[in-house]
mmCIF file of all heavy atoms, coordinates in Angstrom:
data_MODEL
# 
_entry.id   MODEL 
# 
loop_
_atom_site.group_PDB 
_atom_site.id 
_atom_site.type_symbol 
_atom_site.label_atom_id 
_atom_site.label_alt_id 
_atom_site.label_comp_id 
_atom_site.label_asym_id 
_atom_site.label_entity_id 
_atom_site.label_seq_id 
_atom_site.pdbx_PDB_ins_code 
_atom_site.Cartn_x 
_atom_site.Cartn_y 
_atom_site.Cartn_z 
_atom_site.occupancy 
_atom_site.B_iso_or_equiv 
_atom_site.pdbx_formal_charge 
_atom_site.auth_seq_id 
_atom_site.auth_comp_id 
_atom_site.auth_asym_id 
_atom_site.auth_atom_id 
_atom_site.pdbx_PDB_model_num 
ATOM 1   N N   . LEU A 1 1  ? 0.791   -1.218 0.016  1.00 0.00 ? 1  LEU A N   1 
ATOM 2   C CA  . LEU A 1 1  ? 0.006   -0.015 -0.018 1.00 0.00 ? 1  LEU A CA  1 
ATOM 3   C C   . LEU A 1 1  ? 0.871   1.280  0.011  1.00 0.00 ? 1  LEU A C   1 
ATOM 4   O O   . LEU A 1 1  ? 0.409   2.307  -0.484 1.00 0.00 ? 1  LEU A O   1 
ATOM 5   C CB  . LEU A 1 1  ? -0.926  0.027  1.207  1.00 0.00 ? 1  LEU A CB  1 
ATOM 6   C CG  . LEU A 1 1  ? -1.970  -1.075 1.318  1.00 0.00 ? 1  LEU A CG  1 
ATOM 7   C CD1 . LEU A 1 1  ? -2.654  -1.026 2.666  1.00 0.00 ? 1  LEU A CD1 1 
ATOM 8   C CD2 . LEU A 1 1  ? -2.956  -0.968 0.214  1.00 0.00 ? 1  LEU A CD2 1 
ATOM 9   N N   . GLN A 1 2  ? 2.009   1.226  0.571  1.00 0.00 ? 2  GLN A N   1 
ATOM 10  C CA  . GLN A 1 2  ? 2.773   2.441  0.845  1.00 0.00 ? 2  GLN A CA  1 
ATOM 11  C C   . GLN A 1 2  ? 3.232   3.168  -0.372 1.00 0.00 ? 2  GLN A C   1 
ATOM 12  O O   . GLN A 1 2  ? 3.435   4.353  -0.345 1.00 0.00 ? 2  GLN A O   1 
ATOM 13  C CB  . GLN A 1 2  ? 3.953   2.195  1.809  1.00 0.00 ? 2  GLN A CB  1 
ATOM 14  C CG  . GLN A 1 2  ? 5.081   1.408  1.239  1.00 0.00 ? 2  GLN A CG  1 
ATOM 15  C CD  . GLN A 1 2  ? 6.194   2.235  0.644  1.00 0.00 ? 2  GLN A CD  1 
ATOM 16  O OE1 . GLN A 1 2  ? 6.301   3.413  0.884  1.00 0.00 ? 2  GLN A OE1 1 
ATOM 17  N NE2 . GLN A 1 2  ? 6.925   1.617  -0.241 1.00 0.00 ? 2  GLN A NE2 1 
ATOM 18  N N   . GLY A 1 3  ? 3.390   2.498  -1.445 1.00 0.00 ? 3  GLY A N   1 
ATOM 19  C CA  . GLY A 1 3  ? 3.858   3.213  -2.688 1.00 0.00 ? 3  GLY A CA  1 
ATOM 20  C C   . GLY A 1 3  ? 2.809   4.004  -3.403 1.00 0.00 ? 3  GLY A C   1 
ATOM 21  O O   . GLY A 1 3  ? 3.124   4.744  -4.291 1.00 0.00 ? 3  GLY A O   1 
ATOM 22  N N   . SER A 1 4  ? 1.584   3.830  -2.965 1.00 0.00 ? 4  SER A N   1 
ATOM 23  C CA  . SER A 1 4  ? 0.516   4.507  -3.752 1.00 0.00 ? 4  SER A CA  1 
ATOM 24  C C   . SER A 1 4  ? -0.194  5.569  -2.907 1.00 0.00 ? 4  SER A C   1 
ATOM 25  O O   . SER A 1 4  ? -0.368  5.452  -1.664 1.00 0.00 ? 4  SER A O   1 
ATOM 26  C CB  . SER A 1 4  ? -0.522  3.519  -4.186 1.00 0.00 ? 4  SER A CB  1 
ATOM 27  O OG  . SER A 1 4  ? -1.080  2.850  -3.085 1.00 0.00 ? 4  SER A OG  1 
ATOM 28  N N   . LEU A 1 5  ? -0.542  6.651  -3.561 1.00 0.00 ? 5  LEU A N   1 
ATOM 29  C CA  . LEU A 1 5  ? -1.343  7.731  -2.965 1.00 0.00 ? 5  LEU A CA  1 
ATOM 30  C C   . LEU A 1 5  ? -2.792  7.368  -3.356 1.00 0.00 ? 5  LEU A C   1 
ATOM 31  O O   . LEU A 1 5  ? -3.105  7.140  -4.506 1.00 0.00 ? 5  LEU A O   1 
ATOM 32  C CB  . LEU A 1 5  ? -0.944  9.055  -3.549 1.00 0.00 ? 5  LEU A CB  1 
ATOM 33  C CG  . LEU A 1 5  ? -1.947  10.226 -3.373 1.00 0.00 ? 5  LEU A CG  1 
ATOM 34  C CD1 . LEU A 1 5  ? -1.923  10.622 -1.903 1.00 0.00 ? 5  LEU A CD1 1 
ATOM 35  C CD2 . LEU A 1 5  ? -1.570  11.380 -4.216 1.00 0.00 ? 5  LEU A CD2 1 
ATOM 36  N N   . VAL A 1 6  ? -3.668  7.388  -2.342 1.00 0.00 ? 6  VAL A N   1 
ATOM 37  C CA  . VAL A 1 6  ? -5.097  7.151  -2.610 1.00 0.00 ? 6  VAL A CA  1 
ATOM 38  C C   . VAL A 1 6  ? -5.836  8.467  -2.475 1.00 0.00 ? 6  VAL A C   1 
ATOM 39  O O   . VAL A 1 6  ? -5.526  9.245  -1.569 1.00 0.00 ? 6  VAL A O   1 
ATOM 40  C CB  . VAL A 1 6  ? -5.628  6.101  -1.623 1.00 0.00 ? 6  VAL A CB  1 
ATOM 41  C CG1 . VAL A 1 6  ? -7.076  5.826  -1.883 1.00 0.00 ? 6  VAL A CG1 1 
ATOM 42  C CG2 . VAL A 1 6  ? -4.791  4.817  -1.702 1.00 0.00 ? 6  VAL A CG2 1 
ATOM 43  N N   . ARG A 1 7  ? -6.752  8.709  -3.327 1.00 0.00 ? 7  ARG A N   1 
ATOM 44  C CA  . ARG A 1 7  ? -7.513  9.954  -3.326 1.00 0.00 ? 7  ARG A CA  1 
ATOM 45  C C   . ARG A 1 7  ? -8.957  9.724  -3.796 1.00 0.00 ? 7  ARG A C   1 
ATOM 46  O O   . ARG A 1 7  ? -9.169  8.822  -4.680 1.00 0.00 ? 7  ARG A O   1 
ATOM 47  C CB  . ARG A 1 7  ? -6.748  10.936 -4.196 1.00 0.00 ? 7  ARG A CB  1 
ATOM 48  C CG  . ARG A 1 7  ? -7.499  11.911 -4.961 1.00 0.00 ? 7  ARG A CG  1 
ATOM 49  C CD  . ARG A 1 7  ? -6.561  12.868 -5.731 1.00 0.00 ? 7  ARG A CD  1 
ATOM 50  N NE  . ARG A 1 7  ? -5.393  13.197 -4.986 1.00 0.00 ? 7  ARG A NE  1 
ATOM 51  C CZ  . ARG A 1 7  ? -4.251  13.547 -5.529 1.00 0.00 ? 7  ARG A CZ  1 
ATOM 52  N NH1 . ARG A 1 7  ? -4.128  13.746 -6.800 1.00 0.00 ? 7  ARG A NH1 1 
ATOM 53  N NH2 . ARG A 1 7  ? -3.212  13.872 -4.783 1.00 0.00 ? 7  ARG A NH2 1 
ATOM 54  N N   . THR A 1 8  ? -9.874  10.418 -3.234 1.00 0.00 ? 8  THR A N   1 
ATOM 55  C CA  . THR A 1 8  ? -11.240 10.391 -3.687 1.00 0.00 ? 8  THR A CA  1 
ATOM 56  C C   . THR A 1 8  ? -11.383 11.030 -5.068 1.00 0.00 ? 8  THR A C   1 
ATOM 57  O O   . THR A 1 8  ? -10.549 11.876 -5.435 1.00 0.00 ? 8  THR A O   1 
ATOM 58  C CB  . THR A 1 8  ? -12.227 11.045 -2.735 1.00 0.00 ? 8  THR A CB  1 
ATOM 59  O OG1 . THR A 1 8  ? -11.788 12.383 -2.525 1.00 0.00 ? 8  THR A OG1 1 
ATOM 60  C CG2 . THR A 1 8  ? -12.240 10.319 -1.386 1.00 0.00 ? 8  THR A CG2 1 
ATOM 61  N N   . ASP A 1 9  ? -12.382 10.644 -5.796 1.00 0.00 ? 9  ASP A N   1 
ATOM 62  C CA  . ASP A 1 9  ? -12.565 11.159 -7.182 1.00 0.00 ? 9  ASP A CA  1 
ATOM 63  C C   . ASP A 1 9  ? -12.664 12.708 -7.199 1.00 0.00 ? 9  ASP A C   1 
ATOM 64  O O   . ASP A 1 9  ? -12.210 13.339 -8.087 1.00 0.00 ? 9  ASP A O   1 
ATOM 65  C CB  . ASP A 1 9  ? -13.802 10.578 -7.824 1.00 0.00 ? 9  ASP A CB  1 
ATOM 66  C CG  . ASP A 1 9  ? -13.599 9.100  -8.171 1.00 0.00 ? 9  ASP A CG  1 
ATOM 67  O OD1 . ASP A 1 9  ? -12.436 8.644  -8.271 1.00 0.00 ? 9  ASP A OD1 1 
ATOM 68  O OD2 . ASP A 1 9  ? -14.600 8.412  -8.366 1.00 0.00 ? 9  ASP A OD2 1 
ATOM 69  N N   . ASP A 1 10 ? -13.355 13.255 -6.182 1.00 0.00 ? 10 ASP A N   1 
ATOM 70  C CA  . ASP A 1 10 ? -13.545 14.728 -6.162 1.00 0.00 ? 10 ASP A CA  1 
ATOM 71  C C   . ASP A 1 10 ? -12.396 15.465 -5.527 1.00 0.00 ? 10 ASP A C   1 
ATOM 72  O O   . ASP A 1 10 ? -12.402 16.686 -5.415 1.00 0.00 ? 10 ASP A O   1 
ATOM 73  C CB  . ASP A 1 10 ? -14.828 15.047 -5.456 1.00 0.00 ? 10 ASP A CB  1 
ATOM 74  C CG  . ASP A 1 10 ? -14.863 14.672 -3.955 1.00 0.00 ? 10 ASP A CG  1 
ATOM 75  O OD1 . ASP A 1 10 ? -13.864 14.098 -3.450 1.00 0.00 ? 10 ASP A OD1 1 
ATOM 76  O OD2 . ASP A 1 10 ? -15.911 14.921 -3.324 1.00 0.00 ? 10 ASP A OD2 1 
ATOM 77  N N   . GLY A 1 11 ? -11.349 14.747 -5.045 1.00 0.00 ? 11 GLY A N   1 
ATOM 78  C CA  . GLY A 1 11 ? -10.178 15.388 -4.418 1.00 0.00 ? 11 GLY A CA  1 
ATOM 79  C C   . GLY A 1 11 ? -10.341 15.906 -3.031 1.00 0.00 ? 11 GLY A C   1 
ATOM 80  O O   . GLY A 1 11 ? -9.573  16.562 -2.459 1.00 0.00 ? 11 GLY A O   1 
ATOM 81  N N   . SER A 1 12 ? -11.501 15.494 -2.392 1.00 0.00 ? 12 SER A N   1 
ATOM 82  C CA  . SER A 1 12 ? -11.800 15.992 -1.038 1.00 0.00 ? 12 SER A CA  1 
ATOM 83  C C   . SER A 1 12 ? -10.976 15.309 0.012  1.00 0.00 ? 12 SER A C   1 
ATOM 84  O O   . SER A 1 12 ? -10.788 15.818 1.121  1.00 0.00 ? 12 SER A O   1 
ATOM 85  C CB  . SER A 1 12 ? -13.290 15.855 -0.683 1.00 0.00 ? 12 SER A CB  1 
ATOM 86  O OG  . SER A 1 12 ? -13.638 14.482 -0.731 1.00 0.00 ? 12 SER A OG  1 
ATOM 87  N N   . GLU A 1 13 ? -10.438 14.149 -0.290 1.00 0.00 ? 13 GLU A N   1 
ATOM 88  C CA  . GLU A 1 13 ? -9.571  13.339 0.620  1.00 0.00 ? 13 GLU A CA  1 
ATOM 89  C C   . GLU A 1 13 ? -8.437  12.758 -0.104 1.00 0.00 ? 13 GLU A C   1 
ATOM 90  O O   . GLU A 1 13 ? -8.596  12.326 -1.248 1.00 0.00 ? 13 GLU A O   1 
ATOM 91  C CB  . GLU A 1 13 ? -10.385 12.236 1.282  1.00 0.00 ? 13 GLU A CB  1 
ATOM 92  C CG  . GLU A 1 13 ? -11.513 12.635 2.159  1.00 0.00 ? 13 GLU A CG  1 
ATOM 93  C CD  . GLU A 1 13 ? -12.221 11.409 2.717  1.00 0.00 ? 13 GLU A CD  1 
ATOM 94  O OE1 . GLU A 1 13 ? -11.556 10.528 3.286  1.00 0.00 ? 13 GLU A OE1 1 
ATOM 95  O OE2 . GLU A 1 13 ? -13.449 11.327 2.577  1.00 0.00 ? 13 GLU A OE2 1 
ATOM 96  N N   . SER A 1 14 ? -7.329  12.606 0.604  1.00 0.00 ? 14 SER A N   1 
ATOM 97  C CA  . SER A 1 14 ? -6.225  11.796 0.072  1.00 0.00 ? 14 SER A CA  1 
ATOM 98  C C   . SER A 1 14 ? -5.493  11.260 1.291  1.00 0.00 ? 14 SER A C   1 
ATOM 99  O O   . SER A 1 14 ? -5.511  11.817 2.401  1.00 0.00 ? 14 SER A O   1 
ATOM 100 C CB  . SER A 1 14 ? -5.339  12.562 -0.850 1.00 0.00 ? 14 SER A CB  1 
ATOM 101 O OG  . SER A 1 14 ? -4.780  13.740 -0.230 1.00 0.00 ? 14 SER A OG  1 
ATOM 102 N N   . TRP A 1 15 ? -4.814  10.117 1.069  1.00 0.00 ? 15 TRP A N   1 
ATOM 103 C CA  . TRP A 1 15 ? -4.076  9.500  2.144  1.00 0.00 ? 15 TRP A CA  1 
ATOM 104 C C   . TRP A 1 15 ? -3.035  8.636  1.582  1.00 0.00 ? 15 TRP A C   1 
ATOM 105 O O   . TRP A 1 15 ? -3.080  8.251  0.392  1.00 0.00 ? 15 TRP A O   1 
ATOM 106 C CB  . TRP A 1 15 ? -4.978  8.713  3.088  1.00 0.00 ? 15 TRP A CB  1 
ATOM 107 C CG  . TRP A 1 15 ? -5.819  7.661  2.474  1.00 0.00 ? 15 TRP A CG  1 
ATOM 108 C CD1 . TRP A 1 15 ? -5.427  6.321  2.268  1.00 0.00 ? 15 TRP A CD1 1 
ATOM 109 C CD2 . TRP A 1 15 ? -7.090  7.744  1.819  1.00 0.00 ? 15 TRP A CD2 1 
ATOM 110 N NE1 . TRP A 1 15 ? -6.413  5.649  1.640  1.00 0.00 ? 15 TRP A NE1 1 
ATOM 111 C CE2 . TRP A 1 15 ? -7.450  6.494  1.331  1.00 0.00 ? 15 TRP A CE2 1 
ATOM 112 C CE3 . TRP A 1 15 ? -7.935  8.805  1.652  1.00 0.00 ? 15 TRP A CE3 1 
ATOM 113 C CZ2 . TRP A 1 15 ? -8.600  6.257  0.667  1.00 0.00 ? 15 TRP A CZ2 1 
ATOM 114 C CZ3 . TRP A 1 15 ? -9.165  8.572  0.955  1.00 0.00 ? 15 TRP A CZ3 1 
ATOM 115 C CH2 . TRP A 1 15 ? -9.499  7.353  0.528  1.00 0.00 ? 15 TRP A CH2 1 
ATOM 116 N N   . GLY A 1 16 ? -2.030  8.311  2.360  1.00 0.00 ? 16 GLY A N   1 
ATOM 117 C CA  . GLY A 1 16 ? -0.977  7.403  1.889  1.00 0.00 ? 16 GLY A CA  1 
ATOM 118 C C   . GLY A 1 16 ? 0.209   7.331  2.840  1.00 0.00 ? 16 GLY A C   1 
ATOM 119 O O   . GLY A 1 16 ? 0.081   7.774  3.985  1.00 0.00 ? 16 GLY A O   1 
ATOM 120 N N   . TYR A 1 17 ? 1.274   6.830  2.370  1.00 0.00 ? 17 TYR A N   1 
ATOM 121 C CA  . TYR A 1 17 ? 2.490   6.656  3.133  1.00 0.00 ? 17 TYR A CA  1 
ATOM 122 C C   . TYR A 1 17 ? 3.631   7.453  2.541  1.00 0.00 ? 17 TYR A C   1 
ATOM 123 O O   . TYR A 1 17 ? 3.662   7.618  1.300  1.00 0.00 ? 17 TYR A O   1 
ATOM 124 C CB  . TYR A 1 17 ? 2.894   5.209  3.144  1.00 0.00 ? 17 TYR A CB  1 
ATOM 125 C CG  . TYR A 1 17 ? 2.111   4.310  4.049  1.00 0.00 ? 17 TYR A CG  1 
ATOM 126 C CD1 . TYR A 1 17 ? 0.996   3.607  3.631  1.00 0.00 ? 17 TYR A CD1 1 
ATOM 127 C CD2 . TYR A 1 17 ? 2.452   4.193  5.413  1.00 0.00 ? 17 TYR A CD2 1 
ATOM 128 C CE1 . TYR A 1 17 ? 0.240   2.800  4.468  1.00 0.00 ? 17 TYR A CE1 1 
ATOM 129 C CE2 . TYR A 1 17 ? 1.699   3.408  6.265  1.00 0.00 ? 17 TYR A CE2 1 
ATOM 130 C CZ  . TYR A 1 17 ? 0.576   2.712  5.773  1.00 0.00 ? 17 TYR A CZ  1 
ATOM 131 O OH  . TYR A 1 17 ? -0.118  1.918  6.602  1.00 0.00 ? 17 TYR A OH  1 
ATOM 132 N N   . VAL A 1 18 ? 4.499   7.894  3.374  1.00 0.00 ? 18 VAL A N   1 
ATOM 133 C CA  . VAL A 1 18 ? 5.769   8.461  2.976  1.00 0.00 ? 18 VAL A CA  1 
ATOM 134 C C   . VAL A 1 18 ? 6.858   7.650  3.615  1.00 0.00 ? 18 VAL A C   1 
ATOM 135 O O   . VAL A 1 18 ? 6.807   7.462  4.832  1.00 0.00 ? 18 VAL A O   1 
ATOM 136 C CB  . VAL A 1 18 ? 5.863   9.980  3.346  1.00 0.00 ? 18 VAL A CB  1 
ATOM 137 C CG1 . VAL A 1 18 ? 7.304   10.508 3.164  1.00 0.00 ? 18 VAL A CG1 1 
ATOM 138 C CG2 . VAL A 1 18 ? 4.859   10.821 2.575  1.00 0.00 ? 18 VAL A CG2 1 
ATOM 139 N N   . GLU A 1 19 ? 7.863   7.253  2.823  1.00 0.00 ? 19 GLU A N   1 
ATOM 140 C CA  . GLU A 1 19 ? 9.002   6.608  3.438  1.00 0.00 ? 19 GLU A CA  1 
ATOM 141 C C   . GLU A 1 19 ? 9.929   7.674  3.904  1.00 0.00 ? 19 GLU A C   1 
ATOM 142 O O   . GLU A 1 19 ? 10.582  8.368  3.163  1.00 0.00 ? 19 GLU A O   1 
ATOM 143 C CB  . GLU A 1 19 ? 9.714   5.696  2.394  1.00 0.00 ? 19 GLU A CB  1 
ATOM 144 C CG  . GLU A 1 19 ? 10.803  4.888  3.004  1.00 0.00 ? 19 GLU A CG  1 
ATOM 145 C CD  . GLU A 1 19 ? 11.348  3.810  2.103  1.00 0.00 ? 19 GLU A CD  1 
ATOM 146 O OE1 . GLU A 1 19 ? 11.164  3.941  0.880  1.00 0.00 ? 19 GLU A OE1 1 
ATOM 147 O OE2 . GLU A 1 19 ? 11.981  2.843  2.624  1.00 0.00 ? 19 GLU A OE2 1 
ATOM 148 N N   . VAL A 1 20 ? 9.892   7.911  5.263  1.00 0.00 ? 20 VAL A N   1 
ATOM 149 C CA  . VAL A 1 20 ? 10.649  9.041  5.849  1.00 0.00 ? 20 VAL A CA  1 
ATOM 150 C C   . VAL A 1 20 ? 12.121  8.695  6.120  1.00 0.00 ? 20 VAL A C   1 
ATOM 151 O O   . VAL A 1 20 ? 12.920  9.627  6.194  1.00 0.00 ? 20 VAL A O   1 
ATOM 152 C CB  . VAL A 1 20 ? 9.968   9.516  7.175  1.00 0.00 ? 20 VAL A CB  1 
ATOM 153 C CG1 . VAL A 1 20 ? 8.590   10.106 6.895  1.00 0.00 ? 20 VAL A CG1 1 
ATOM 154 C CG2 . VAL A 1 20 ? 9.845   8.385  8.161  1.00 0.00 ? 20 VAL A CG2 1 
ATOM 155 N N   . ARG A 1 21 ? 12.410  7.444  6.188  1.00 0.00 ? 21 ARG A N   1 
ATOM 156 C CA  . ARG A 1 21 ? 13.793  6.879  6.234  1.00 0.00 ? 21 ARG A CA  1 
ATOM 157 C C   . ARG A 1 21 ? 13.682  5.535  5.556  1.00 0.00 ? 21 ARG A C   1 
ATOM 158 O O   . ARG A 1 21 ? 12.621  4.969  5.464  1.00 0.00 ? 21 ARG A O   1 
ATOM 159 C CB  . ARG A 1 21 ? 14.232  6.711  7.713  1.00 0.00 ? 21 ARG A CB  1 
ATOM 160 C CG  . ARG A 1 21 ? 14.570  7.970  8.442  1.00 0.00 ? 21 ARG A CG  1 
ATOM 161 C CD  . ARG A 1 21 ? 14.973  7.741  9.908  1.00 0.00 ? 21 ARG A CD  1 
ATOM 162 N NE  . ARG A 1 21 ? 13.732  7.486  10.724 1.00 0.00 ? 21 ARG A NE  1 
ATOM 163 C CZ  . ARG A 1 21 ? 13.517  6.422  11.450 1.00 0.00 ? 21 ARG A CZ  1 
ATOM 164 N NH1 . ARG A 1 21 ? 14.409  5.445  11.517 1.00 0.00 ? 21 ARG A NH1 1 
ATOM 165 N NH2 . ARG A 1 21 ? 12.399  6.280  12.132 1.00 0.00 ? 21 ARG A NH2 1 
ATOM 166 N N   . PRO A 1 22 ? 14.822  4.982  5.107  1.00 0.00 ? 22 PRO A N   1 
ATOM 167 C CA  . PRO A 1 22 ? 14.743  3.669  4.488  1.00 0.00 ? 22 PRO A CA  1 
ATOM 168 C C   . PRO A 1 22 ? 14.086  2.732  5.505  1.00 0.00 ? 22 PRO A C   1 
ATOM 169 O O   . PRO A 1 22 ? 14.443  2.624  6.693  1.00 0.00 ? 22 PRO A O   1 
ATOM 170 C CB  . PRO A 1 22 ? 16.158  3.298  4.291  1.00 0.00 ? 22 PRO A CB  1 
ATOM 171 C CG  . PRO A 1 22 ? 16.862  4.589  4.073  1.00 0.00 ? 22 PRO A CG  1 
ATOM 172 C CD  . PRO A 1 22 ? 16.173  5.555  5.014  1.00 0.00 ? 22 PRO A CD  1 
ATOM 173 N N   . LYS A 1 23 ? 12.993  2.016  5.035  1.00 0.00 ? 23 LYS A N   1 
ATOM 174 C CA  . LYS A 1 23 ? 12.216  1.053  5.813  1.00 0.00 ? 23 LYS A CA  1 
ATOM 175 C C   . LYS A 1 23 ? 11.431  1.638  6.951  1.00 0.00 ? 23 LYS A C   1 
ATOM 176 O O   . LYS A 1 23 ? 10.991  0.887  7.864  1.00 0.00 ? 23 LYS A O   1 
ATOM 177 C CB  . LYS A 1 23 ? 13.112  -0.067 6.323  1.00 0.00 ? 23 LYS A CB  1 
ATOM 178 C CG  . LYS A 1 23 ? 13.811  -0.834 5.145  1.00 0.00 ? 23 LYS A CG  1 
ATOM 179 C CD  . LYS A 1 23 ? 14.592  -2.031 5.683  1.00 0.00 ? 23 LYS A CD  1 
ATOM 180 C CE  . LYS A 1 23 ? 15.181  -2.813 4.513  1.00 0.00 ? 23 LYS A CE  1 
ATOM 181 N NZ  . LYS A 1 23 ? 15.760  -4.035 4.907  1.00 0.00 ? 23 LYS A NZ  1 
ATOM 182 N N   . ALA A 1 24 ? 11.166  2.930  6.999  1.00 0.00 ? 24 ALA A N   1 
ATOM 183 C CA  . ALA A 1 24 ? 10.366  3.590  7.973  1.00 0.00 ? 24 ALA A CA  1 
ATOM 184 C C   . ALA A 1 24 ? 9.265   4.379  7.244  1.00 0.00 ? 24 ALA A C   1 
ATOM 185 O O   . ALA A 1 24 ? 9.591   5.303  6.494  1.00 0.00 ? 24 ALA A O   1 
ATOM 186 C CB  . ALA A 1 24 ? 11.215  4.544  8.886  1.00 0.00 ? 24 ALA A CB  1 
ATOM 187 N N   . HIS A 1 25 ? 8.014   4.033  7.467  1.00 0.00 ? 25 HIS A N   1 
ATOM 188 C CA  . HIS A 1 25 ? 6.909   4.566  6.696  1.00 0.00 ? 25 HIS A CA  1 
ATOM 189 C C   . HIS A 1 25 ? 5.873   5.248  7.541  1.00 0.00 ? 25 HIS A C   1 
ATOM 190 O O   . HIS A 1 25 ? 5.400   4.682  8.551  1.00 0.00 ? 25 HIS A O   1 
ATOM 191 C CB  . HIS A 1 25 ? 6.233   3.391  5.921  1.00 0.00 ? 25 HIS A CB  1 
ATOM 192 C CG  . HIS A 1 25 ? 7.201   2.484  5.210  1.00 0.00 ? 25 HIS A CG  1 
ATOM 193 N ND1 . HIS A 1 25 ? 7.612   2.720  3.926  1.00 0.00 ? 25 HIS A ND1 1 
ATOM 194 C CD2 . HIS A 1 25 ? 7.861   1.381  5.642  1.00 0.00 ? 25 HIS A CD2 1 
ATOM 195 C CE1 . HIS A 1 25 ? 8.449   1.803  3.592  1.00 0.00 ? 25 HIS A CE1 1 
ATOM 196 N NE2 . HIS A 1 25 ? 8.661   0.978  4.583  1.00 0.00 ? 25 HIS A NE2 1 
ATOM 197 N N   . MET A 1 26 ? 5.588   6.517  7.248  1.00 0.00 ? 26 MET A N   1 
ATOM 198 C CA  . MET A 1 26 ? 4.646   7.319  8.018  1.00 0.00 ? 26 MET A CA  1 
ATOM 199 C C   . MET A 1 26 ? 3.319   7.487  7.224  1.00 0.00 ? 26 MET A C   1 
ATOM 200 O O   . MET A 1 26 ? 3.299   7.760  6.035  1.00 0.00 ? 26 MET A O   1 
ATOM 201 C CB  . MET A 1 26 ? 5.229   8.671  8.350  1.00 0.00 ? 26 MET A CB  1 
ATOM 202 C CG  . MET A 1 26 ? 4.513   9.361  9.434  1.00 0.00 ? 26 MET A CG  1 
ATOM 203 S SD  . MET A 1 26 ? 5.400   10.861 9.944  1.00 0.00 ? 26 MET A SD  1 
ATOM 204 C CE  . MET A 1 26 ? 6.797   10.114 10.885 1.00 0.00 ? 26 MET A CE  1 
ATOM 205 N N   . PHE A 1 27 ? 2.192   7.298  7.925  1.00 0.00 ? 27 PHE A N   1 
ATOM 206 C CA  . PHE A 1 27 ? 0.854   7.340  7.313  1.00 0.00 ? 27 PHE A CA  1 
ATOM 207 C C   . PHE A 1 27 ? 0.235   8.711  7.643  1.00 0.00 ? 27 PHE A C   1 
ATOM 208 O O   . PHE A 1 27 ? 0.349   9.271  8.694  1.00 0.00 ? 27 PHE A O   1 
ATOM 209 C CB  . PHE A 1 27 ? -0.029  6.274  7.910  1.00 0.00 ? 27 PHE A CB  1 
ATOM 210 C CG  . PHE A 1 27 ? -1.338  6.145  7.157  1.00 0.00 ? 27 PHE A CG  1 
ATOM 211 C CD1 . PHE A 1 27 ? -1.444  5.681  5.907  1.00 0.00 ? 27 PHE A CD1 1 
ATOM 212 C CD2 . PHE A 1 27 ? -2.537  6.583  7.815  1.00 0.00 ? 27 PHE A CD2 1 
ATOM 213 C CE1 . PHE A 1 27 ? -2.716  5.566  5.304  1.00 0.00 ? 27 PHE A CE1 1 
ATOM 214 C CE2 . PHE A 1 27 ? -3.743  6.467  7.184  1.00 0.00 ? 27 PHE A CE2 1 
ATOM 215 C CZ  . PHE A 1 27 ? -3.817  5.981  5.912  1.00 0.00 ? 27 PHE A CZ  1 
# 
């Protein structure tokens, strides 16, 4: 899941992960 940005069709919401350090992922 972490590699993808998810967003609603109307752009009102988005969520995802950022790899803040190698092998450390923030939601």
